[in-house]
Amino acid sequence: MQGRPAALQAWSRDGTEVFVQLGESRLAVAAVAPGVIRVRLAPDGRFAPPRSWAVTTPETRLPGADLNVTETADCVRLDTDELSVELFDHGRVDVYDANGSAVLLDGPTGGPAR
């Protein structure tokens, strides 16, 4: 059984997708449209192939979104015209709308806080 994702060690970008290394685990966040993000977690570092029941089609068939990526002292921040996504240690993900209102907040120990 895999352990929880570790501290954020490194990140990289490939087009409209950002990959975050969390020990053995990897987190991928793709801006598939200005108001839609796709979050994937690979506990062992290898992403499973897309499933047929996924809410969105593969990113190659969607328009994508302009994506600005910045690194702060405690997170990697991704901004589209409609969403902001903050990626923290241990796989925590917070999502805000364009007005700064929380859409999803992960708690400090993982899982939704709101």
PDB file of N, CA and C in Angstrom:
ATOM      1  N   MET A   1       0.838  -1.180   0.000  1.00  0.00           N
ATOM      2  CA  MET A   1       0.000   0.000   0.000  1.00  0.00           C
ATOM      3  C   MET A   1       0.880   1.239   0.000  1.00  0.00           C
ATOM      4  N   GLN A   2       0.528   2.199  -0.820  1.00  0.00           N
ATOM      5  CA  GLN A   2       1.288   3.435  -0.921  1.00  0.00           C
ATOM      6  C   GLN A   2       1.007   4.342   0.268  1.00  0.00           C
ATOM      7  N   GLY A   3       2.025   5.084   0.691  1.00  0.00           N
ATOM      8  CA  GLY A   3       1.843   6.067   1.748  1.00  0.00           C
ATOM      9  C   GLY A   3       1.249   7.347   1.173  1.00  0.00           C
ATOM     10  N   ARG A   4       1.046   8.290   2.017  1.00  0.00           N
ATOM     11  CA  ARG A   4       0.513   9.587   1.582  1.00  0.00           C
ATOM     12  C   ARG A   4       1.569  10.329   0.770  1.00  0.00           C
ATOM     13  N   PRO A   5       1.134  11.219  -0.103  1.00  0.00           N
ATOM     14  CA  PRO A   5       2.102  12.042  -0.837  1.00  0.00           C
ATOM     15  C   PRO A   5       2.984  12.824   0.142  1.00  0.00           C
ATOM     16  N   ALA A   6       4.234  13.021  -0.241  1.00  0.00           N
ATOM     17  CA  ALA A   6       5.208  13.702   0.609  1.00  0.00           C
ATOM     18  C   ALA A   6       5.202  15.205   0.341  1.00  0.00           C
ATOM     19  N   ALA A   7       6.200  15.865   0.873  1.00  0.00           N
ATOM     20  CA  ALA A   7       6.349  17.300   0.651  1.00  0.00           C
ATOM     21  C   ALA A   7       6.625  17.581  -0.825  1.00  0.00           C
ATOM     22  N   LEU A   8       6.218  18.748  -1.268  1.00  0.00           N
ATOM     23  CA  LEU A   8       6.429  19.177  -2.646  1.00  0.00           C
ATOM     24  C   LEU A   8       7.936  19.317  -2.880  1.00  0.00           C
ATOM     25  N   GLN A   9       8.447  18.538  -3.828  1.00  0.00           N
ATOM     26  CA  GLN A   9       9.885  18.537  -4.078  1.00  0.00           C
ATOM     27  C   GLN A   9      10.271  19.306  -5.329  1.00  0.00           C
ATOM     28  N   ALA A  10       9.457  19.208  -6.359  1.00  0.00           N
ATOM     29  CA  ALA A  10       9.778  19.860  -7.626  1.00  0.00           C
ATOM     30  C   ALA A  10       8.503  19.936  -8.459  1.00  0.00           C
ATOM     31  N   TRP A  11       8.520  20.795  -9.464  1.00  0.00           N
ATOM     32  CA  TRP A  11       7.402  20.863 -10.388  1.00  0.00           C
ATOM     33  C   TRP A  11       7.920  21.167 -11.786  1.00  0.00           C
ATOM     34  N   SER A  12       7.119  20.800 -12.771  1.00  0.00           N
ATOM     35  CA  SER A  12       7.456  21.088 -14.161  1.00  0.00           C
ATOM     36  C   SER A  12       6.162  21.373 -14.908  1.00  0.00           C
ATOM     37  N   ARG A  13       6.320  21.957 -16.070  1.00  0.00           N
ATOM     38  CA  ARG A  13       5.163  22.334 -16.882  1.00  0.00           C
ATOM     39  C   ARG A  13       5.323  21.773 -18.278  1.00  0.00           C
ATOM     40  N   ASP A  14       4.203  21.295 -18.820  1.00  0.00           N
ATOM     41  CA  ASP A  14       4.152  20.836 -20.213  1.00  0.00           C
ATOM     42  C   ASP A  14       2.880  21.413 -20.812  1.00  0.00           C
ATOM     43  N   GLY A  15       3.009  22.538 -21.488  1.00  0.00           N
ATOM     44  CA  GLY A  15       1.842  23.207 -22.074  1.00  0.00           C
ATOM     45  C   GLY A  15       0.900  23.710 -21.001  1.00  0.00           C
ATOM     46  N   THR A  16      -0.329  23.196 -21.008  1.00  0.00           N
ATOM     47  CA  THR A  16      -1.319  23.634 -20.023  1.00  0.00           C
ATOM     48  C   THR A  16      -1.438  22.651 -18.855  1.00  0.00           C
ATOM     49  N   GLU A  17      -0.413  21.824 -18.657  1.00  0.00           N
ATOM     50  CA  GLU A  17      -0.431  20.866 -17.550  1.00  0.00           C
ATOM     51  C   GLU A  17       0.809  21.056 -16.686  1.00  0.00           C
ATOM     52  N   VAL A  18       0.602  20.996 -15.369  1.00  0.00           N
ATOM     53  CA  VAL A  18       1.688  21.123 -14.401  1.00  0.00           C
ATOM     54  C   VAL A  18       1.801  19.812 -13.636  1.00  0.00           C
ATOM     55  N   PHE A  19       3.029  19.337 -13.473  1.00  0.00           N
ATOM     56  CA  PHE A  19       3.310  18.104 -12.750  1.00  0.00           C
ATOM     57  C   PHE A  19       4.081  18.452 -11.486  1.00  0.00           C
ATOM     58  N   VAL A  20       3.656  17.890 -10.361  1.00  0.00           N
ATOM     59  CA  VAL A  20       4.291  18.155  -9.077  1.00  0.00           C
ATOM     60  C   VAL A  20       4.790  16.829  -8.510  1.00  0.00           C
ATOM     61  N   GLN A  21       6.057  16.817  -8.102  1.00  0.00           N
ATOM     62  CA  GLN A  21       6.644  15.626  -7.494  1.00  0.00           C
ATOM     63  C   GLN A  21       6.467  15.717  -5.991  1.00  0.00           C
ATOM     64  N   LEU A  22       5.865  14.666  -5.403  1.00  0.00           N
ATOM     65  CA  LEU A  22       5.570  14.609  -3.976  1.00  0.00           C
ATOM     66  C   LEU A  22       6.128  13.298  -3.418  1.00  0.00           C
ATOM     67  N   GLY A  23       7.448  13.188  -3.344  1.00  0.00           N
ATOM     68  CA  GLY A  23       8.070  11.919  -2.989  1.00  0.00           C
ATOM     69  C   GLY A  23       7.879  10.949  -4.140  1.00  0.00           C
ATOM     70  N   GLU A  24       7.384   9.743  -3.859  1.00  0.00           N
ATOM     71  CA  GLU A  24       7.104   8.784  -4.928  1.00  0.00           C
ATOM     72  C   GLU A  24       5.876   9.191  -5.734  1.00  0.00           C
ATOM     73  N   SER A  25       4.998   9.942  -5.131  1.00  0.00           N
ATOM     74  CA  SER A  25       3.742  10.338  -5.784  1.00  0.00           C
ATOM     75  C   SER A  25       3.942  11.514  -6.730  1.00  0.00           C
ATOM     76  N   ARG A  26       3.064  11.575  -7.745  1.00  0.00           N
ATOM     77  CA  ARG A  26       3.037  12.716  -8.667  1.00  0.00           C
ATOM     78  C   ARG A  26       1.610  13.220  -8.756  1.00  0.00           C
ATOM     79  N   LEU A  27       1.482  14.529  -8.860  1.00  0.00           N
ATOM     80  CA  LEU A  27       0.201  15.184  -9.026  1.00  0.00           C
ATOM     81  C   LEU A  27       0.247  15.937 -10.339  1.00  0.00           C
ATOM     82  N   ALA A  28      -0.808  15.830 -11.128  1.00  0.00           N
ATOM     83  CA  ALA A  28      -0.898  16.557 -12.391  1.00  0.00           C
ATOM     84  C   ALA A  28      -2.161  17.399 -12.373  1.00  0.00           C
ATOM     85  N   VAL A  29      -2.028  18.655 -12.760  1.00  0.00           N
ATOM     86  CA  VAL A  29      -3.176  19.549 -12.870  1.00  0.00           C
ATOM     87  C   VAL A  29      -3.146  20.149 -14.263  1.00  0.00           C
ATOM     88  N   ALA A  30      -4.224  19.937 -15.012  1.00  0.00           N
ATOM     89  CA  ALA A  30      -4.321  20.443 -16.384  1.00  0.00           C
ATOM     90  C   ALA A  30      -5.422  21.482 -16.465  1.00  0.00           C
ATOM     91  N   ALA A  31      -5.142  22.584 -17.123  1.00  0.00           N
ATOM     92  CA  ALA A  31      -6.154  23.603 -17.415  1.00  0.00           C
ATOM     93  C   ALA A  31      -6.776  23.222 -18.756  1.00  0.00           C
ATOM     94  N   VAL A  32      -7.887  22.492 -18.707  1.00  0.00           N
ATOM     95  CA  VAL A  32      -8.494  21.990 -19.945  1.00  0.00           C
ATOM     96  C   VAL A  32      -9.409  23.018 -20.591  1.00  0.00           C
ATOM     97  N   ALA A  33      -9.845  24.011 -19.841  1.00  0.00           N
ATOM     98  CA  ALA A  33     -10.625  25.152 -20.316  1.00  0.00           C
ATOM     99  C   ALA A  33     -10.488  26.223 -19.229  1.00  0.00           C
ATOM    100  N   PRO A  34     -10.808  27.490 -19.514  1.00  0.00           N
ATOM    101  CA  PRO A  34     -10.594  28.528 -18.489  1.00  0.00           C
ATOM    102  C   PRO A  34     -11.265  28.244 -17.151  1.00  0.00           C
ATOM    103  N   GLY A  35     -12.411  27.575 -17.135  1.00  0.00           N
ATOM    104  CA  GLY A  35     -13.117  27.287 -15.898  1.00  0.00           C
ATOM    105  C   GLY A  35     -13.114  25.826 -15.513  1.00  0.00           C
ATOM    106  N   VAL A  36     -12.249  25.025 -16.158  1.00  0.00           N
ATOM    107  CA  VAL A  36     -12.218  23.584 -15.885  1.00  0.00           C
ATOM    108  C   VAL A  36     -10.767  23.139 -15.697  1.00  0.00           C
ATOM    109  N   ILE A  37     -10.515  22.465 -14.564  1.00  0.00           N
ATOM    110  CA  ILE A  37      -9.198  21.865 -14.353  1.00  0.00           C
ATOM    111  C   ILE A  37      -9.393  20.369 -14.163  1.00  0.00           C
ATOM    112  N   ARG A  38      -8.367  19.645 -14.493  1.00  0.00           N
ATOM    113  CA  ARG A  38      -8.376  18.199 -14.287  1.00  0.00           C
ATOM    114  C   ARG A  38      -7.214  17.868 -13.367  1.00  0.00           C
ATOM    115  N   VAL A  39      -7.512  17.201 -12.247  1.00  0.00           N
ATOM    116  CA  VAL A  39      -6.502  16.853 -11.256  1.00  0.00           C
ATOM    117  C   VAL A  39      -6.353  15.342 -11.247  1.00  0.00           C
ATOM    118  N   ARG A  40      -5.113  14.886 -11.360  1.00  0.00           N
ATOM    119  CA  ARG A  40      -4.819  13.450 -11.302  1.00  0.00           C
ATOM    120  C   ARG A  40      -3.715  13.224 -10.281  1.00  0.00           C
ATOM    121  N   LEU A  41      -3.838  12.134  -9.525  1.00  0.00           N
ATOM    122  CA  LEU A  41      -2.806  11.748  -8.563  1.00  0.00           C
ATOM    123  C   LEU A  41      -2.324  10.355  -8.913  1.00  0.00           C
ATOM    124  N   ALA A  42      -1.018  10.198  -8.959  1.00  0.00           N
ATOM    125  CA  ALA A  42      -0.403   8.894  -9.191  1.00  0.00           C
ATOM    126  C   ALA A  42       0.394   8.544  -7.932  1.00  0.00           C
ATOM    127  N   PRO A  43      -0.189   7.753  -7.010  1.00  0.00           N
ATOM    128  CA  PRO A  43       0.513   7.436  -5.760  1.00  0.00           C
ATOM    129  C   PRO A  43       1.882   6.804  -5.976  1.00  0.00           C
ATOM    130  N   ASP A  44       2.024   5.998  -7.040  1.00  0.00           N
ATOM    131  CA  ASP A  44       3.314   5.340  -7.304  1.00  0.00           C
ATOM    132  C   ASP A  44       4.124   6.069  -8.381  1.00  0.00           C
ATOM    133  N   GLY A  45       3.653   7.262  -8.791  1.00  0.00           N
ATOM    134  CA  GLY A  45       4.371   8.052  -9.778  1.00  0.00           C
ATOM    135  C   GLY A  45       3.998   7.751 -11.222  1.00  0.00           C
ATOM    136  N   ARG A  46       3.139   6.753 -11.468  1.00  0.00           N
ATOM    137  CA  ARG A  46       2.715   6.387 -12.827  1.00  0.00           C
ATOM    138  C   ARG A  46       1.222   6.647 -12.977  1.00  0.00           C
ATOM    139  N   PHE A  47       0.864   7.515 -13.909  1.00  0.00           N
ATOM    140  CA  PHE A  47      -0.535   7.852 -14.120  1.00  0.00           C
ATOM    141  C   PHE A  47      -1.255   6.744 -14.872  1.00  0.00           C
ATOM    142  N   ALA A  48      -2.447   6.425 -14.420  1.00  0.00           N
ATOM    143  CA  ALA A  48      -3.290   5.447 -15.119  1.00  0.00           C
ATOM    144  C   ALA A  48      -3.814   6.073 -16.399  1.00  0.00           C
ATOM    145  N   PRO A  49      -4.134   5.274 -17.407  1.00  0.00           N
ATOM    146  CA  PRO A  49      -4.706   5.832 -18.636  1.00  0.00           C
ATOM    147  C   PRO A  49      -6.073   6.455 -18.345  1.00  0.00           C
ATOM    148  N   PRO A  50      -6.488   7.437 -19.164  1.00  0.00           N
ATOM    149  CA  PRO A  50      -7.804   8.056 -18.956  1.00  0.00           C
ATOM    150  C   PRO A  50      -8.913   7.007 -19.006  1.00  0.00           C
ATOM    151  N   ARG A  51      -9.902   7.191 -18.186  1.00  0.00           N
ATOM    152  CA  ARG A  51     -11.045   6.276 -18.124  1.00  0.00           C
ATOM    153  C   ARG A  51     -12.159   6.779 -19.034  1.00  0.00           C
ATOM    154  N   SER A  52     -12.961   5.861 -19.535  1.00  0.00           N
ATOM    155  CA  SER A  52     -14.045   6.232 -20.437  1.00  0.00           C
ATOM    156  C   SER A  52     -15.130   7.025 -19.728  1.00  0.00           C
ATOM    157  N   TRP A  53     -15.232   6.917 -18.394  1.00  0.00           N
ATOM    158  CA  TRP A  53     -16.274   7.617 -17.662  1.00  0.00           C
ATOM    159  C   TRP A  53     -15.809   8.982 -17.139  1.00  0.00           C
ATOM    160  N   ALA A  54     -14.625   9.416 -17.520  1.00  0.00           N
ATOM    161  CA  ALA A  54     -14.129  10.709 -17.070  1.00  0.00           C
ATOM    162  C   ALA A  54     -15.079  11.821 -17.516  1.00  0.00           C
ATOM    163  N   VAL A  55     -15.203  12.847 -16.667  1.00  0.00           N
ATOM    164  CA  VAL A  55     -16.130  13.945 -16.948  1.00  0.00           C
ATOM    165  C   VAL A  55     -15.707  14.721 -18.185  1.00  0.00           C
ATOM    166  N   THR A  56     -14.426  14.883 -18.390  1.00  0.00           N
ATOM    167  CA  THR A  56     -13.939  15.606 -19.565  1.00  0.00           C
ATOM    168  C   THR A  56     -13.304  14.628 -20.540  1.00  0.00           C
ATOM    169  N   THR A  57     -13.257  15.037 -21.786  1.00  0.00           N
ATOM    170  CA  THR A  57     -12.539  14.258 -22.783  1.00  0.00           C
ATOM    171  C   THR A  57     -11.050  14.530 -22.591  1.00  0.00           C
ATOM    172  N   PRO A  58     -10.171  13.756 -23.226  1.00  0.00           N
ATOM    173  CA  PRO A  58      -8.734  14.039 -23.081  1.00  0.00           C
ATOM    174  C   PRO A  58      -8.412  15.487 -23.469  1.00  0.00           C
ATOM    175  N   GLU A  59      -7.419  16.055 -22.773  1.00  0.00           N
ATOM    176  CA  GLU A  59      -7.079  17.471 -22.980  1.00  0.00           C
ATOM    177  C   GLU A  59      -6.821  17.826 -24.437  1.00  0.00           C
ATOM    178  N   THR A  60      -6.359  16.884 -25.232  1.00  0.00           N
ATOM    179  CA  THR A  60      -6.043  17.192 -26.623  1.00  0.00           C
ATOM    180  C   THR A  60      -7.295  17.570 -27.411  1.00  0.00           C
ATOM    181  N   ARG A  61      -8.482  17.227 -26.904  1.00  0.00           N
ATOM    182  CA  ARG A  61      -9.707  17.564 -27.607  1.00  0.00           C
ATOM    183  C   ARG A  61     -10.412  18.792 -27.041  1.00  0.00           C
ATOM    184  N   LEU A  62      -9.862  19.386 -26.022  1.00  0.00           N
ATOM    185  CA  LEU A  62     -10.446  20.586 -25.435  1.00  0.00           C
ATOM    186  C   LEU A  62      -9.569  21.782 -25.765  1.00  0.00           C
ATOM    187  N   PRO A  63     -10.142  22.991 -25.660  1.00  0.00           N
ATOM    188  CA  PRO A  63      -9.389  24.170 -26.092  1.00  0.00           C
ATOM    189  C   PRO A  63      -8.186  24.517 -25.229  1.00  0.00           C
ATOM    190  N   GLY A  64      -8.137  24.012 -23.997  1.00  0.00           N
ATOM    191  CA  GLY A  64      -7.062  24.418 -23.108  1.00  0.00           C
ATOM    192  C   GLY A  64      -7.335  25.825 -22.603  1.00  0.00           C
ATOM    193  N   ALA A  65      -6.416  26.378 -21.865  1.00  0.00           N
ATOM    194  CA  ALA A  65      -6.587  27.714 -21.311  1.00  0.00           C
ATOM    195  C   ALA A  65      -5.226  28.347 -21.135  1.00  0.00           C
ATOM    196  N   ASP A  66      -5.204  29.668 -21.220  1.00  0.00           N
ATOM    197  CA  ASP A  66      -3.971  30.369 -20.881  1.00  0.00           C
ATOM    198  C   ASP A  66      -3.680  30.087 -19.419  1.00  0.00           C
ATOM    199  N   LEU A  67      -2.451  29.749 -19.128  1.00  0.00           N
ATOM    200  CA  LEU A  67      -2.091  29.325 -17.782  1.00  0.00           C
ATOM    201  C   LEU A  67      -0.844  30.069 -17.336  1.00  0.00           C
ATOM    202  N   ASN A  68      -0.943  30.731 -16.195  1.00  0.00           N
ATOM    203  CA  ASN A  68       0.196  31.389 -15.582  1.00  0.00           C
ATOM    204  C   ASN A  68       0.578  30.583 -14.350  1.00  0.00           C
ATOM    205  N   VAL A  69       1.846  30.218 -14.220  1.00  0.00           N
ATOM    206  CA  VAL A  69       2.310  29.402 -13.096  1.00  0.00           C
ATOM    207  C   VAL A  69       3.369  30.178 -12.330  1.00  0.00           C
ATOM    208  N   THR A  70       3.177  30.263 -11.010  1.00  0.00           N
ATOM    209  CA  THR A  70       4.150  30.929 -10.145  1.00  0.00           C
ATOM    210  C   THR A  70       4.431  30.043  -8.940  1.00  0.00           C
ATOM    211  N   GLU A  71       5.615  30.212  -8.382  1.00  0.00           N
ATOM    212  CA  GLU A  71       6.003  29.464  -7.186  1.00  0.00           C
ATOM    213  C   GLU A  71       6.131  30.442  -6.035  1.00  0.00           C
ATOM    214  N   THR A  72       5.499  30.136  -4.909  1.00  0.00           N
ATOM    215  CA  THR A  72       5.628  30.954  -3.708  1.00  0.00           C
ATOM    216  C   THR A  72       6.408  30.153  -2.677  1.00  0.00           C
ATOM    217  N   ALA A  73       6.527  30.698  -1.480  1.00  0.00           N
ATOM    218  CA  ALA A  73       7.278  30.006  -0.423  1.00  0.00           C
ATOM    219  C   ALA A  73       6.623  28.694  -0.016  1.00  0.00           C
ATOM    220  N   ASP A  74       5.287  28.590  -0.151  1.00  0.00           N
ATOM    221  CA  ASP A  74       4.622  27.377   0.334  1.00  0.00           C
ATOM    222  C   ASP A  74       3.774  26.640  -0.691  1.00  0.00           C
ATOM    223  N   CYS A  75       3.713  27.126  -1.944  1.00  0.00           N
ATOM    224  CA  CYS A  75       2.888  26.421  -2.929  1.00  0.00           C
ATOM    225  C   CYS A  75       3.300  26.777  -4.358  1.00  0.00           C
ATOM    226  N   VAL A  76       2.735  26.014  -5.285  1.00  0.00           N
ATOM    227  CA  VAL A  76       2.801  26.340  -6.707  1.00  0.00           C
ATOM    228  C   VAL A  76       1.397  26.800  -7.075  1.00  0.00           C
ATOM    229  N   ARG A  77       1.291  27.966  -7.708  1.00  0.00           N
ATOM    230  CA  ARG A  77      -0.010  28.556  -8.021  1.00  0.00           C
ATOM    231  C   ARG A  77      -0.211  28.589  -9.530  1.00  0.00           C
ATOM    232  N   LEU A  78      -1.382  28.119  -9.956  1.00  0.00           N
ATOM    233  CA  LEU A  78      -1.764  28.120 -11.364  1.00  0.00           C
ATOM    234  C   LEU A  78      -2.962  29.049 -11.517  1.00  0.00           C
ATOM    235  N   ASP A  79      -2.915  29.939 -12.493  1.00  0.00           N
ATOM    236  CA  ASP A  79      -4.017  30.874 -12.726  1.00  0.00           C
ATOM    237  C   ASP A  79      -4.484  30.802 -14.165  1.00  0.00           C
ATOM    238  N   THR A  80      -5.818  30.642 -14.345  1.00  0.00           N
ATOM    239  CA  THR A  80      -6.460  30.838 -15.640  1.00  0.00           C
ATOM    240  C   THR A  80      -7.296  32.108 -15.511  1.00  0.00           C
ATOM    241  N   ASP A  81      -8.044  32.473 -16.534  1.00  0.00           N
ATOM    242  CA  ASP A  81      -8.905  33.652 -16.446  1.00  0.00           C
ATOM    243  C   ASP A  81     -10.027  33.469 -15.431  1.00  0.00           C
ATOM    244  N   GLU A  82     -10.394  32.205 -15.131  1.00  0.00           N
ATOM    245  CA  GLU A  82     -11.547  31.949 -14.275  1.00  0.00           C
ATOM    246  C   GLU A  82     -11.238  31.241 -12.963  1.00  0.00           C
ATOM    247  N   LEU A  83     -10.070  30.614 -12.847  1.00  0.00           N
ATOM    248  CA  LEU A  83      -9.736  29.846 -11.648  1.00  0.00           C
ATOM    249  C   LEU A  83      -8.299  30.084 -11.208  1.00  0.00           C
ATOM    250  N   SER A  84      -8.082  29.917  -9.908  1.00  0.00           N
ATOM    251  CA  SER A  84      -6.736  29.864  -9.338  1.00  0.00           C
ATOM    252  C   SER A  84      -6.633  28.563  -8.567  1.00  0.00           C
ATOM    253  N   VAL A  85      -5.524  27.865  -8.746  1.00  0.00           N
ATOM    254  CA  VAL A  85      -5.305  26.579  -8.095  1.00  0.00           C
ATOM    255  C   VAL A  85      -3.979  26.666  -7.355  1.00  0.00           C
ATOM    256  N   GLU A  86      -3.991  26.304  -6.079  1.00  0.00           N
ATOM    257  CA  GLU A  86      -2.776  26.296  -5.275  1.00  0.00           C
ATOM    258  C   GLU A  86      -2.450  24.858  -4.891  1.00  0.00           C
ATOM    259  N   LEU A  87      -1.226  24.441  -5.182  1.00  0.00           N
ATOM    260  CA  LEU A  87      -0.757  23.080  -4.910  1.00  0.00           C
ATOM    261  C   LEU A  87       0.249  23.135  -3.774  1.00  0.00           C
ATOM    262  N   PHE A  88      -0.031  22.371  -2.711  1.00  0.00           N
ATOM    263  CA  PHE A  88       0.783  22.403  -1.500  1.00  0.00           C
ATOM    264  C   PHE A  88       1.450  21.050  -1.249  1.00  0.00           C
ATOM    265  N   ASP A  89       2.268  21.026  -0.184  1.00  0.00           N
ATOM    266  CA  ASP A  89       2.853  19.772   0.280  1.00  0.00           C
ATOM    267  C   ASP A  89       1.771  18.721   0.487  1.00  0.00           C
ATOM    268  N   HIS A  90       2.165  17.459   0.340  1.00  0.00           N
ATOM    269  CA  HIS A  90       1.323  16.307   0.639  1.00  0.00           C
ATOM    270  C   HIS A  90       0.084  16.201  -0.256  1.00  0.00           C
ATOM    271  N   GLY A  91       0.124  16.866  -1.420  1.00  0.00           N
ATOM    272  CA  GLY A  91      -0.967  16.748  -2.382  1.00  0.00           C
ATOM    273  C   GLY A  91      -2.180  17.616  -2.100  1.00  0.00           C
ATOM    274  N   ARG A  92      -2.069  18.541  -1.185  1.00  0.00           N
ATOM    275  CA  ARG A  92      -3.197  19.450  -0.910  1.00  0.00           C
ATOM    276  C   ARG A  92      -3.436  20.356  -2.111  1.00  0.00           C
ATOM    277  N   VAL A  93      -4.710  20.529  -2.449  1.00  0.00           N
ATOM    278  CA  VAL A  93      -5.103  21.363  -3.582  1.00  0.00           C
ATOM    279  C   VAL A  93      -6.219  22.296  -3.119  1.00  0.00           C
ATOM    280  N   ASP A  94      -6.039  23.608  -3.312  1.00  0.00           N
ATOM    281  CA  ASP A  94      -7.082  24.598  -3.058  1.00  0.00           C
ATOM    282  C   ASP A  94      -7.433  25.250  -4.383  1.00  0.00           C
ATOM    283  N   VAL A  95      -8.734  25.474  -4.619  1.00  0.00           N
ATOM    284  CA  VAL A  95      -9.207  26.072  -5.861  1.00  0.00           C
ATOM    285  C   VAL A  95     -10.088  27.270  -5.527  1.00  0.00           C
ATOM    286  N   TYR A  96      -9.853  28.393  -6.223  1.00  0.00           N
ATOM    287  CA  TYR A  96     -10.608  29.625  -6.029  1.00  0.00           C
ATOM    288  C   TYR A  96     -11.163  30.100  -7.370  1.00  0.00           C
ATOM    289  N   ASP A  97     -12.329  30.755  -7.332  1.00  0.00           N
ATOM    290  CA  ASP A  97     -12.867  31.327  -8.565  1.00  0.00           C
ATOM    291  C   ASP A  97     -12.215  32.682  -8.815  1.00  0.00           C
ATOM    292  N   ALA A  98     -12.626  33.359  -9.901  1.00  0.00           N
ATOM    293  CA  ALA A  98     -11.996  34.614 -10.300  1.00  0.00           C
ATOM    294  C   ALA A  98     -12.195  35.722  -9.262  1.00  0.00           C
ATOM    295  N   ASN A  99     -13.213  35.600  -8.418  1.00  0.00           N
ATOM    296  CA  ASN A  99     -13.466  36.592  -7.371  1.00  0.00           C
ATOM    297  C   ASN A  99     -12.710  36.281  -6.089  1.00  0.00           C
ATOM    298  N   GLY A 100     -11.968  35.176  -6.059  1.00  0.00           N
ATOM    299  CA  GLY A 100     -11.219  34.790  -4.881  1.00  0.00           C
ATOM    300  C   GLY A 100     -12.008  33.959  -3.891  1.00  0.00           C
ATOM    301  N   SER A 101     -13.240  33.571  -4.260  1.00  0.00           N
ATOM    302  CA  SER A 101     -14.048  32.725  -3.391  1.00  0.00           C
ATOM    303  C   SER A 101     -13.591  31.269  -3.518  1.00  0.00           C
ATOM    304  N   ALA A 102     -13.552  30.579  -2.388  1.00  0.00           N
ATOM    305  CA  ALA A 102     -13.107  29.190  -2.381  1.00  0.00           C
ATOM    306  C   ALA A 102     -14.114  28.300  -3.090  1.00  0.00           C
ATOM    307  N   VAL A 103     -13.603  27.476  -4.002  1.00  0.00           N
ATOM    308  CA  VAL A 103     -14.394  26.442  -4.662  1.00  0.00           C
ATOM    309  C   VAL A 103     -14.126  25.114  -3.959  1.00  0.00           C
ATOM    310  N   LEU A 104     -12.856  24.860  -3.633  1.00  0.00           N
ATOM    311  CA  LEU A 104     -12.436  23.653  -2.926  1.00  0.00           C
ATOM    312  C   LEU A 104     -11.238  23.997  -2.053  1.00  0.00           C
ATOM    313  N   LEU A 105     -11.303  23.607  -0.790  1.00  0.00           N
ATOM    314  CA  LEU A 105     -10.178  23.783   0.119  1.00  0.00           C
ATOM    315  C   LEU A 105      -9.867  22.440   0.752  1.00  0.00           C
ATOM    316  N   ASP A 106      -8.654  21.935   0.538  1.00  0.00           N
ATOM    317  CA  ASP A 106      -8.223  20.715   1.205  1.00  0.00           C
ATOM    318  C   ASP A 106      -7.747  21.077   2.604  1.00  0.00           C
ATOM    319  N   GLY A 107      -8.069  20.251   3.570  1.00  0.00           N
ATOM    320  CA  GLY A 107      -7.632  20.479   4.933  1.00  0.00           C
ATOM    321  C   GLY A 107      -6.161  20.194   5.095  1.00  0.00           C
ATOM    322  N   PRO A 108      -5.584  20.588   6.209  1.00  0.00           N
ATOM    323  CA  PRO A 108      -4.139  20.409   6.420  1.00  0.00           C
ATOM    324  C   PRO A 108      -3.709  18.951   6.462  1.00  0.00           C
ATOM    325  N   THR A 109      -4.631  18.023   6.712  1.00  0.00           N
ATOM    326  CA  THR A 109      -4.271  16.619   6.732  1.00  0.00           C
ATOM    327  C   THR A 109      -4.820  15.880   5.518  1.00  0.00           C
ATOM    328  N   GLY A 110      -5.278  16.614   4.494  1.00  0.00           N
ATOM    329  CA  GLY A 110      -5.841  16.004   3.292  1.00  0.00           C
ATOM    330  C   GLY A 110      -7.342  15.908   3.389  1.00  0.00           C
ATOM    331  N   GLY A 111      -7.980  15.809   2.251  1.00  0.00           N
ATOM    332  CA  GLY A 111      -9.431  15.764   2.221  1.00  0.00           C
ATOM    333  C   GLY A 111     -10.029  17.151   2.322  1.00  0.00           C
ATOM    334  N   PRO A 112     -11.271  17.293   1.906  1.00  0.00           N
ATOM    335  CA  PRO A 112     -11.887  18.616   1.871  1.00  0.00           C
ATOM    336  C   PRO A 112     -12.047  19.231   3.252  1.00  0.00           C
ATOM    337  N   ALA A 113     -11.724  20.509   3.363  1.00  0.00           N
ATOM    338  CA  ALA A 113     -11.941  21.264   4.582  1.00  0.00           C
ATOM    339  C   ALA A 113     -13.219  22.083   4.437  1.00  0.00           C
ATOM    340  N   ARG A 114     -13.633  22.270   3.172  1.00  0.00           N
ATOM    341  CA  ARG A 114     -14.829  23.070   2.886  1.00  0.00           C
ATOM    342  C   ARG A 114     -15.447  22.617   1.610  1.00  0.00           C
TER     343      ARG A 114
END
